[in-house]
Amino acid sequence: MLVQLLVITVVAHLAGAAARRLRQPAVIGQLVAGVLLGPSVLGVLWPDGEHRLVPGETLLGAPINTVAWLGAAFLLLLTGLDTDLGVIRRLGRPALMIAAGAVLVPFAAGVGLALLLPDSFAGGAASRPSFVLLVAVSLSISSIPVVARVLTELGFLKADFGQMILTVALVSDAVGWMALAGVTVLAGPGGGDAGELLAPVAGLLLLTAVLVLVAPRLVDAALARVRRSDRLPGGTGGTGGEGEAGEAGTGGSGDLLVAVVLALVLAVAADAVGSDGLLGAFAAGLLLGRSPHYRPRLRGQLEPVTLVLLAPVFFAVAGLRMDLTVLSSAEALLWAAGYLAVAVCFKVAGAYGGARLARLPRRQGLAVAVGLNCRGAVEVVVASVGLSAGVLSETGYTVIVLMALLTTAATGPLLRAVAPPPGRLLKPAGPRAGAADRVRAAR
């Protein structure tokens, strides 16, 4: 396991650095690192070395897979912390109209595509409804963490269209996670039986009610208690002493302990009701981020181990599971190309159509549509959940992760080409806009 961790971590960071030099997100390089170390490249050039690095036996591969899944959980915990549900209210009707187009159009296209895909894309444990729903989710979802990183690197994060991209991505991800919970329920025991499906659905609804009605108060109380403890002399705030000085101290693991315990509790609860534990980690991030007692230092405590070790291992292991040799036949390549074309065309068309209905200028609407086409990290998580639940085969998993990799790689250059120049008016050009506003918007 230590050899695996050493090789995967070093290669993932080297490939991530190379990706950044090419003005791409590090996640691209980390996925490519896994492809290089997996059956697609190393397995062809040195089969024995690839087998030693990535043993096929479940017991031998369990330790590194455990690290990878912890990476996915902590990544979604950070994503939840970054998710501001209040942004939807601030951007209002235009964001909801764009979200409707960006989610419903590719979702419907995904349902149609899933009905046409060959059986080689579905896993052995997949019921037809779970497979159809997973394909539809994979086409409609976006990736908040990678989109935010791309917008930051390009200097578009503070622009109105950048905020619009993040808001619509948040809505599509929220819908996608709810649908993914349905996938895991359908893929579970009795998932094909309507009667046996009622129990996990009821459990999921009950868990949602607890998260909305009860959990926020418990989280607020726990974080408030930690903050009071930090203000006491010798409290968990570390070297800070009395008052708020503890928050600036180098210690202070109380917030981190609350976050980790909450993520694990909700992951266990999500798994217990027949959903995926990763959804519990995402819910934990949402609960922590919305609390009035949330302190930014928590993110500073979570980020180093997540971004330096856990997340790179997750993405590299996701790349290890990709086997490009399954696309060696002309039929498989044709279906993979069709999957990519449907994913891109319907996502961009749906988002752009929603933007035009919301009366956004053409160039701004196109920039929003291109930004939302970035699948990135979230798509890899969706595919990994589908593979582990038996809904996807290796072929289906490879095609979805490949689609995520290509759409993420294309987002930066395309967004740089179509984005409105800085400083231009980026407001909807509705009937109430003044003449000067409409002229600038038309440009």
Protein backbone atom coordinates (compact mmCIF):
# COMPACT_ATOMS: atom_id res chain seq x y z
CA MET A 1 0.00 0.00 0.00
CA LEU A 2 2.84 2.41 0.83
CA VAL A 3 4.44 1.76 -2.56
CA GLN A 4 1.10 2.34 -4.26
CA LEU A 5 0.55 5.56 -2.32
CA LEU A 6 4.06 6.81 -3.08
CA VAL A 7 3.92 6.14 -6.82
CA ILE A 8 0.35 7.36 -7.31
CA THR A 9 0.84 10.55 -5.28
CA VAL A 10 4.11 11.54 -6.98
CA VAL A 11 2.89 10.81 -10.52
CA ALA A 12 -0.45 12.55 -9.85
CA HIS A 13 1.27 15.72 -8.65
CA LEU A 14 3.76 15.73 -11.52
CA ALA A 15 0.96 15.29 -14.03
CA GLY A 16 -1.12 17.95 -12.24
CA ALA A 17 1.78 20.40 -12.44
CA ALA A 18 2.15 19.64 -16.16
CA ALA A 19 -1.56 20.28 -16.65
CA ARG A 20 -1.32 23.66 -14.93
CA ARG A 21 1.59 24.63 -17.20
CA LEU A 22 -0.76 23.90 -20.09
CA ARG A 23 -3.37 26.19 -18.42
CA GLN A 24 -5.58 23.26 -17.45
CA PRO A 25 -6.97 22.34 -14.01
CA ALA A 26 -4.76 19.97 -12.02
CA VAL A 27 -7.57 17.39 -11.99
CA ILE A 28 -6.93 16.78 -15.69
CA GLY A 29 -3.34 15.80 -15.02
CA GLN A 30 -4.32 13.65 -12.05
CA LEU A 31 -6.82 11.70 -14.14
CA VAL A 32 -4.24 11.29 -16.90
CA ALA A 33 -1.75 10.04 -14.30
CA GLY A 34 -4.14 7.23 -13.45
CA VAL A 35 -4.59 6.41 -17.14
CA LEU A 36 -0.81 6.21 -17.56
CA LEU A 37 -0.41 3.92 -14.54
CA GLY A 38 -3.43 1.75 -15.36
CA PRO A 39 -4.29 -0.93 -17.91
CA SER A 40 -4.48 1.58 -20.76
CA VAL A 41 -0.73 2.38 -20.85
CA LEU A 42 1.39 0.68 -18.16
CA GLY A 43 -0.71 -2.47 -18.45
CA VAL A 44 0.18 -2.66 -22.14
CA LEU A 45 3.87 -1.75 -21.78
CA TRP A 46 4.61 -3.63 -18.53
CA PRO A 47 1.71 -5.87 -17.45
CA ASP A 48 3.52 -7.29 -14.41
CA GLY A 49 4.38 -3.82 -13.11
CA GLU A 50 0.80 -2.64 -13.56
CA HIS A 51 -0.49 -5.71 -11.72
CA ARG A 52 1.86 -5.07 -8.80
CA LEU A 53 0.87 -1.42 -8.64
CA VAL A 54 -2.86 -2.04 -9.02
CA PRO A 55 -3.61 -5.61 -7.88
CA GLY A 56 -6.86 -7.00 -9.14
CA GLU A 57 -7.58 -8.87 -5.89
CA THR A 58 -10.14 -7.06 -3.76
CA LEU A 59 -8.23 -7.56 -0.51
CA LEU A 60 -4.92 -6.23 -1.85
CA GLY A 61 -6.57 -3.28 -3.58
CA ALA A 62 -8.74 -2.31 -0.59
CA PRO A 63 -6.24 0.00 1.22
CA ILE A 64 -5.56 2.33 -1.72
CA ASN A 65 -9.27 2.32 -2.65
CA THR A 66 -10.09 3.35 0.93
CA VAL A 67 -7.76 6.35 0.62
CA ALA A 68 -9.38 7.21 -2.72
CA TRP A 69 -12.92 7.13 -1.33
CA LEU A 70 -11.83 9.27 1.63
CA GLY A 71 -10.54 11.72 -0.98
CA ALA A 72 -13.94 11.78 -2.68
CA ALA A 73 -15.72 12.29 0.65
CA PHE A 74 -13.45 15.16 1.74
CA LEU A 75 -13.67 16.75 -1.71
CA LEU A 76 -17.47 16.75 -1.50
CA LEU A 77 -17.27 18.06 2.06
CA LEU A 78 -15.25 21.03 0.76
CA THR A 79 -17.69 21.43 -2.14
CA GLY A 80 -20.55 21.65 0.34
CA LEU A 81 -18.69 24.32 2.32
CA ASP A 82 -18.33 26.37 -0.89
CA THR A 83 -21.99 26.01 -1.84
CA ASP A 84 -23.99 29.15 -1.05
CA LEU A 85 -27.68 28.39 -1.37
CA GLY A 86 -28.45 32.10 -0.92
CA VAL A 87 -26.90 32.89 -4.31
CA ILE A 88 -29.93 31.36 -6.00
CA ARG A 89 -32.19 33.91 -4.32
CA ARG A 90 -29.88 36.78 -5.27
CA LEU A 91 -29.67 35.93 -8.97
CA GLY A 92 -33.29 34.84 -9.04
CA ARG A 93 -35.34 34.20 -12.16
CA PRO A 94 -32.58 34.24 -14.84
CA ALA A 95 -30.55 31.64 -12.95
CA LEU A 96 -33.56 29.36 -12.52
CA MET A 97 -34.47 29.65 -16.21
CA ILE A 98 -30.94 28.79 -17.29
CA ALA A 99 -30.82 25.94 -14.77
CA ALA A 100 -34.06 24.54 -16.17
CA GLY A 101 -32.60 24.42 -19.67
CA ALA A 102 -29.17 23.20 -18.51
CA VAL A 103 -30.69 20.32 -16.53
CA LEU A 104 -33.92 19.28 -18.26
CA VAL A 105 -32.69 19.27 -21.87
CA PRO A 106 -29.57 17.09 -21.33
CA PHE A 107 -31.48 14.95 -18.81
CA ALA A 108 -34.13 14.15 -21.42
CA ALA A 109 -31.41 13.51 -24.00
CA GLY A 110 -29.71 11.18 -21.51
CA VAL A 111 -32.88 9.16 -21.05
CA GLY A 112 -33.17 8.73 -24.81
CA LEU A 113 -29.48 7.87 -25.19
CA ALA A 114 -29.58 5.30 -22.36
CA LEU A 115 -32.42 3.45 -24.10
CA LEU A 116 -30.25 3.16 -27.22
CA LEU A 117 -26.92 2.25 -25.60
CA PRO A 118 -25.82 -1.39 -25.90
CA ASP A 119 -25.87 -3.68 -22.88
CA SER A 120 -22.07 -3.51 -22.68
CA PHE A 121 -22.38 -0.09 -21.02
CA ALA A 122 -24.51 -1.38 -18.11
CA GLY A 123 -23.14 -3.21 -15.08
CA GLY A 124 -24.15 -6.69 -14.07
CA ALA A 125 -26.24 -5.47 -11.12
CA ALA A 126 -28.00 -2.70 -13.03
CA SER A 127 -31.73 -2.52 -13.35
CA ARG A 128 -32.84 -0.68 -16.45
CA PRO A 129 -34.30 2.29 -14.50
CA SER A 130 -31.09 2.77 -12.48
CA PHE A 131 -28.94 2.69 -15.63
CA VAL A 132 -31.20 5.14 -17.49
CA LEU A 133 -31.23 7.51 -14.52
CA LEU A 134 -27.44 7.39 -14.12
CA VAL A 135 -26.82 8.18 -17.80
CA ALA A 136 -29.30 11.07 -17.60
CA VAL A 137 -27.54 12.43 -14.48
CA SER A 138 -24.13 12.14 -16.14
CA LEU A 139 -25.29 14.31 -19.03
CA SER A 140 -27.03 16.98 -16.95
CA ILE A 141 -24.60 17.58 -14.08
CA SER A 142 -21.79 20.18 -13.89
CA SER A 143 -18.78 20.45 -11.57
CA ILE A 144 -18.75 23.36 -9.11
CA PRO A 145 -15.15 22.87 -7.83
CA VAL A 146 -13.53 22.69 -11.28
CA VAL A 147 -15.72 25.42 -12.78
CA ALA A 148 -14.81 27.72 -9.87
CA ARG A 149 -11.11 26.96 -10.37
CA VAL A 150 -11.29 27.64 -14.13
CA LEU A 151 -13.16 30.92 -13.58
CA THR A 152 -10.63 32.01 -10.95
CA GLU A 153 -7.64 31.26 -13.17
CA LEU A 154 -9.22 33.19 -16.06
CA GLY A 155 -10.23 36.14 -13.86
CA PHE A 156 -13.96 35.67 -14.53
CA LEU A 157 -15.09 34.60 -11.05
CA LYS A 158 -16.36 38.05 -10.01
CA ALA A 159 -18.06 38.80 -13.33
CA ASP A 160 -21.85 38.50 -13.45
CA PHE A 161 -21.71 35.65 -15.93
CA GLY A 162 -19.16 33.86 -13.72
CA GLN A 163 -21.50 34.08 -10.74
CA MET A 164 -24.33 32.92 -12.99
CA ILE A 165 -22.31 29.85 -14.04
CA LEU A 166 -21.62 28.93 -10.42
CA THR A 167 -25.26 29.44 -9.41
CA VAL A 168 -26.65 27.30 -12.23
CA ALA A 169 -23.96 24.65 -11.56
CA LEU A 170 -25.11 24.61 -7.94
CA VAL A 171 -28.73 24.01 -9.00
CA SER A 172 -27.79 21.29 -11.49
CA ASP A 173 -25.54 19.59 -8.94
CA ALA A 174 -28.28 19.66 -6.30
CA VAL A 175 -30.72 18.04 -8.73
CA GLY A 176 -28.02 15.62 -9.83
CA TRP A 177 -27.22 14.50 -6.27
CA MET A 178 -30.89 13.87 -5.56
CA ALA A 179 -31.16 11.83 -8.75
CA LEU A 180 -27.94 9.98 -7.88
CA ALA A 181 -29.48 9.06 -4.53
CA GLY A 182 -32.33 7.57 -6.53
CA VAL A 183 -29.83 5.60 -8.63
CA THR A 184 -28.25 4.02 -5.57
CA VAL A 185 -31.68 3.14 -4.18
CA LEU A 186 -32.76 1.56 -7.47
CA ALA A 187 -29.47 -0.34 -7.70
CA GLY A 188 -29.86 -1.77 -4.18
CA PRO A 189 -31.53 -5.02 -3.18
CA GLY A 190 -35.08 -5.11 -4.46
CA GLY A 191 -34.48 -2.01 -6.53
CA GLY A 192 -36.50 -3.41 -9.38
CA ASP A 193 -39.48 -4.21 -7.15
CA ALA A 194 -41.84 -1.30 -6.58
CA GLY A 195 -42.91 -2.61 -3.19
CA GLU A 196 -39.40 -3.17 -1.87
CA LEU A 197 -38.37 0.23 -3.26
CA LEU A 198 -40.72 2.07 -0.89
CA ALA A 199 -38.62 1.39 2.22
CA PRO A 200 -35.36 3.00 0.96
CA VAL A 201 -37.29 5.88 -0.63
CA ALA A 202 -39.06 6.50 2.69
CA GLY A 203 -35.69 6.30 4.46
CA LEU A 204 -34.19 8.83 2.08
CA LEU A 205 -37.13 11.21 2.60
CA LEU A 206 -36.83 10.80 6.37
CA LEU A 207 -33.10 11.55 6.23
CA THR A 208 -33.80 14.64 4.11
CA ALA A 209 -36.36 15.84 6.66
CA VAL A 210 -33.84 15.37 9.48
CA LEU A 211 -31.21 17.29 7.50
CA VAL A 212 -33.61 20.19 6.96
CA LEU A 213 -35.43 20.36 10.28
CA VAL A 214 -33.16 18.92 12.98
CA ALA A 215 -29.54 18.75 11.85
CA PRO A 216 -28.98 22.53 11.39
CA ARG A 217 -29.72 23.19 15.07
CA LEU A 218 -27.42 20.39 16.22
CA VAL A 219 -24.61 21.61 13.99
CA ASP A 220 -25.04 25.20 15.18
CA ALA A 221 -24.96 24.04 18.80
CA ALA A 222 -21.80 21.97 18.24
CA LEU A 223 -19.95 24.78 16.46
CA ALA A 224 -21.08 27.33 19.06
CA ARG A 225 -19.78 25.09 21.84
CA VAL A 226 -16.43 24.79 20.05
CA ARG A 227 -16.24 28.57 19.69
CA ARG A 228 -16.98 29.09 23.39
CA SER A 229 -14.31 26.54 24.21
CA ASP A 230 -11.79 28.42 22.07
CA ARG A 231 -12.46 31.63 24.00
CA LEU A 232 -11.50 30.05 27.31
CA PRO A 233 -7.88 30.20 28.53
CA GLY A 234 -6.22 26.97 27.51
CA GLY A 235 -9.15 26.02 25.23
CA THR A 236 -8.89 24.14 21.94
CA GLY A 237 -7.93 27.36 20.17
CA GLY A 238 -4.32 26.42 20.80
CA THR A 239 -1.84 29.20 21.38
CA GLY A 240 -4.32 32.05 21.11
CA GLY A 241 -5.25 32.50 24.77
CA GLU A 242 -8.39 34.39 25.70
CA GLY A 243 -11.04 36.07 23.54
CA GLU A 244 -10.93 35.63 19.79
CA ALA A 245 -7.20 35.11 19.85
CA GLY A 246 -7.75 31.40 19.93
CA GLU A 247 -9.16 31.54 16.41
CA ALA A 248 -5.87 32.89 15.16
CA GLY A 249 -3.90 30.22 16.97
CA THR A 250 -2.12 27.40 15.29
CA GLY A 251 -4.21 24.78 17.05
CA GLY A 252 -7.97 24.58 17.31
CA SER A 253 -9.09 21.20 16.07
CA GLY A 254 -12.62 21.52 17.47
CA ASP A 255 -14.18 22.70 14.20
CA LEU A 256 -12.31 20.01 12.30
CA LEU A 257 -13.49 17.32 14.72
CA VAL A 258 -17.12 18.46 14.32
CA ALA A 259 -16.76 18.42 10.51
CA VAL A 260 -15.20 14.96 10.33
CA VAL A 261 -17.65 13.39 12.78
CA LEU A 262 -20.62 15.03 11.03
CA ALA A 263 -19.43 13.85 7.61
CA LEU A 264 -18.97 10.28 8.88
CA VAL A 265 -22.32 10.23 10.69
CA LEU A 266 -24.21 11.47 7.64
CA ALA A 267 -22.27 9.13 5.35
CA VAL A 268 -23.29 6.18 7.55
CA ALA A 269 -26.89 7.45 7.64
CA ALA A 270 -27.01 7.86 3.84
CA ASP A 271 -25.63 4.36 3.39
CA ALA A 272 -28.10 2.96 5.94
CA VAL A 273 -31.11 4.24 3.96
CA GLY A 274 -29.78 2.70 0.77
CA SER A 275 -28.14 5.78 -0.74
CA ASP A 276 -24.42 6.51 -1.21
CA GLY A 277 -22.27 7.64 1.70
CA LEU A 278 -20.65 10.36 -0.39
CA LEU A 279 -23.96 12.21 -0.47
CA GLY A 280 -23.79 12.39 3.31
CA ALA A 281 -20.38 14.06 3.14
CA PHE A 282 -21.77 16.67 0.72
CA ALA A 283 -24.74 17.29 3.03
CA ALA A 284 -22.32 17.77 5.94
CA GLY A 285 -20.53 20.49 3.99
CA LEU A 286 -23.84 22.24 3.26
CA LEU A 287 -24.83 22.18 6.93
CA LEU A 288 -21.46 23.47 8.12
CA GLY A 289 -21.21 26.21 5.48
CA ARG A 290 -24.64 27.69 6.24
CA SER A 291 -24.09 27.86 10.00
CA PRO A 292 -23.61 31.35 11.51
CA HIS A 293 -20.86 29.79 13.65
CA TYR A 294 -18.88 28.53 10.65
CA ARG A 295 -15.32 29.89 10.58
CA PRO A 296 -13.16 29.95 7.42
CA ARG A 297 -10.30 28.35 9.32
CA LEU A 298 -12.15 25.01 8.97
CA ARG A 299 -11.57 25.11 5.24
CA GLY A 300 -7.92 25.92 5.89
CA GLN A 301 -7.69 22.80 8.04
CA LEU A 302 -9.42 20.52 5.54
CA GLU A 303 -7.81 21.75 2.32
CA PRO A 304 -4.14 20.75 2.80
CA VAL A 305 -4.62 17.03 3.38
CA THR A 306 -7.46 16.90 0.84
CA LEU A 307 -5.71 18.70 -2.03
CA VAL A 308 -2.21 17.38 -1.33
CA LEU A 309 -2.98 13.72 -0.69
CA LEU A 310 -6.56 12.49 -0.69
CA ALA A 311 -8.10 14.15 -3.78
CA PRO A 312 -5.10 13.49 -6.10
CA VAL A 313 -5.19 9.82 -5.08
CA PHE A 314 -8.94 9.68 -5.77
CA PHE A 315 -8.60 11.16 -9.26
CA ALA A 316 -5.57 9.01 -10.07
CA VAL A 317 -7.38 5.86 -8.90
CA ALA A 318 -10.38 6.94 -11.00
CA GLY A 319 -7.99 7.09 -13.96
CA LEU A 320 -6.61 3.67 -13.01
CA ARG A 321 -10.08 2.23 -13.41
CA MET A 322 -10.27 3.56 -16.97
CA ASP A 323 -9.40 0.91 -19.52
CA LEU A 324 -9.17 2.54 -22.93
CA THR A 325 -8.55 -0.85 -24.49
CA VAL A 326 -12.30 -1.56 -24.13
CA LEU A 327 -12.82 1.12 -26.80
CA SER A 328 -10.62 -0.68 -29.31
CA SER A 329 -13.54 -1.83 -31.46
CA ALA A 330 -15.12 0.46 -34.03
CA GLU A 331 -18.56 0.00 -32.45
CA ALA A 332 -17.36 1.01 -28.98
CA LEU A 333 -15.55 4.07 -30.38
CA LEU A 334 -18.65 5.09 -32.31
CA TRP A 335 -20.84 4.88 -29.19
CA ALA A 336 -18.23 6.77 -27.14
CA ALA A 337 -18.13 9.56 -29.74
CA GLY A 338 -21.93 9.66 -29.79
CA TYR A 339 -22.04 9.86 -26.00
CA LEU A 340 -19.63 12.80 -26.02
CA ALA A 341 -21.52 14.57 -28.81
CA VAL A 342 -24.88 14.22 -27.06
CA ALA A 343 -23.38 15.36 -23.74
CA VAL A 344 -21.85 18.51 -25.22
CA CYS A 345 -24.54 19.51 -27.71
CA PHE A 346 -27.57 19.14 -25.45
CA LYS A 347 -25.87 20.68 -22.41
CA VAL A 348 -24.76 23.76 -24.35
CA ALA A 349 -28.04 24.02 -26.26
CA GLY A 350 -30.15 23.71 -23.11
CA ALA A 351 -28.11 26.26 -21.15
CA TYR A 352 -27.93 28.72 -24.06
CA GLY A 353 -31.66 28.38 -24.71
CA GLY A 354 -32.39 29.12 -21.05
CA ALA A 355 -30.05 32.12 -21.17
CA ARG A 356 -31.83 33.54 -24.19
CA LEU A 357 -35.23 33.02 -22.56
CA ALA A 358 -33.86 34.92 -19.56
CA ARG A 359 -32.90 37.74 -21.98
CA LEU A 360 -29.17 37.50 -21.40
CA PRO A 361 -27.00 38.91 -24.20
CA ARG A 362 -25.92 36.35 -26.78
CA ARG A 363 -22.24 36.36 -25.87
CA GLN A 364 -22.92 36.16 -22.15
CA GLY A 365 -25.39 33.32 -22.70
CA LEU A 366 -22.83 31.42 -24.76
CA ALA A 367 -20.18 31.91 -22.06
CA VAL A 368 -22.57 30.57 -19.42
CA ALA A 369 -23.40 27.54 -21.60
CA VAL A 370 -19.73 26.77 -22.24
CA GLY A 371 -18.88 27.08 -18.55
CA LEU A 372 -21.66 24.71 -17.54
CA ASN A 373 -20.37 22.07 -19.96
CA CYS A 374 -17.47 21.41 -17.54
CA ARG A 375 -18.11 18.02 -15.88
CA GLY A 376 -14.83 17.66 -13.98
CA ALA A 377 -14.61 16.18 -10.50
CA VAL A 378 -18.32 15.68 -9.88
CA GLU A 379 -18.73 13.58 -13.02
CA VAL A 380 -15.88 11.33 -11.88
CA VAL A 381 -17.65 10.84 -8.55
CA VAL A 382 -20.91 10.00 -10.35
CA ALA A 383 -19.15 7.45 -12.55
CA SER A 384 -17.31 5.94 -9.56
CA VAL A 385 -20.57 5.56 -7.64
CA GLY A 386 -22.15 3.94 -10.69
CA LEU A 387 -19.26 1.50 -11.09
CA SER A 388 -19.16 0.54 -7.41
CA ALA A 389 -22.95 0.06 -7.33
CA GLY A 390 -22.79 -2.24 -10.36
CA VAL A 391 -24.87 0.12 -12.52
CA LEU A 392 -22.01 0.77 -14.95
CA SER A 393 -19.68 -1.66 -16.66
CA GLU A 394 -16.00 -0.86 -17.23
CA THR A 395 -16.94 0.31 -20.72
CA GLY A 396 -19.65 2.66 -19.46
CA TYR A 397 -17.39 3.96 -16.69
CA THR A 398 -14.53 4.60 -19.11
CA VAL A 399 -16.74 6.50 -21.54
CA ILE A 400 -18.24 8.73 -18.81
CA VAL A 401 -14.86 9.58 -17.23
CA LEU A 402 -13.38 10.20 -20.68
CA MET A 403 -16.27 12.57 -21.41
CA ALA A 404 -15.60 14.37 -18.11
CA LEU A 405 -11.90 14.69 -18.94
CA LEU A 406 -12.47 16.05 -22.46
CA THR A 407 -15.22 18.52 -21.52
CA THR A 408 -13.11 19.82 -18.60
CA ALA A 409 -10.05 20.24 -20.80
CA ALA A 410 -12.08 22.17 -23.38
CA THR A 411 -13.78 24.53 -20.92
CA GLY A 412 -10.83 26.88 -20.29
CA PRO A 413 -9.85 27.56 -23.93
CA LEU A 414 -13.47 27.84 -25.10
CA LEU A 415 -14.47 30.12 -22.24
CA ARG A 416 -11.45 32.32 -22.91
CA ALA A 417 -12.57 32.61 -26.54
CA VAL A 418 -16.27 33.37 -26.03
CA ALA A 419 -16.37 35.30 -22.73
CA PRO A 420 -17.40 38.96 -22.86
CA PRO A 421 -14.52 41.42 -22.37
CA PRO A 422 -13.96 42.57 -18.78
CA GLY A 423 -15.87 45.66 -17.76
CA ARG A 424 -18.74 45.17 -20.21
CA LEU A 425 -22.31 45.29 -18.92
CA LEU A 426 -23.36 41.76 -18.00
CA LYS A 427 -27.01 42.24 -17.11
CA PRO A 428 -30.07 40.78 -18.80
CA ALA A 429 -31.11 42.99 -21.72
CA GLY A 430 -34.81 43.01 -20.88
CA PRO A 431 -37.51 45.44 -21.95
CA ARG A 432 -36.76 47.75 -19.01
CA ALA A 433 -33.12 48.20 -19.92
CA GLY A 434 -32.19 51.66 -21.12
CA ALA A 435 -31.04 52.37 -24.67
CA ALA A 436 -27.37 52.56 -23.68
CA ASP A 437 -27.72 49.30 -21.73
CA ARG A 438 -29.23 47.52 -24.72
CA VAL A 439 -26.48 48.78 -27.02
CA ARG A 440 -23.73 47.57 -24.68
CA ALA A 441 -25.52 44.24 -24.11
CA ALA A 442 -25.91 43.71 -27.87
CA ARG A 443 -22.17 44.14 -28.29
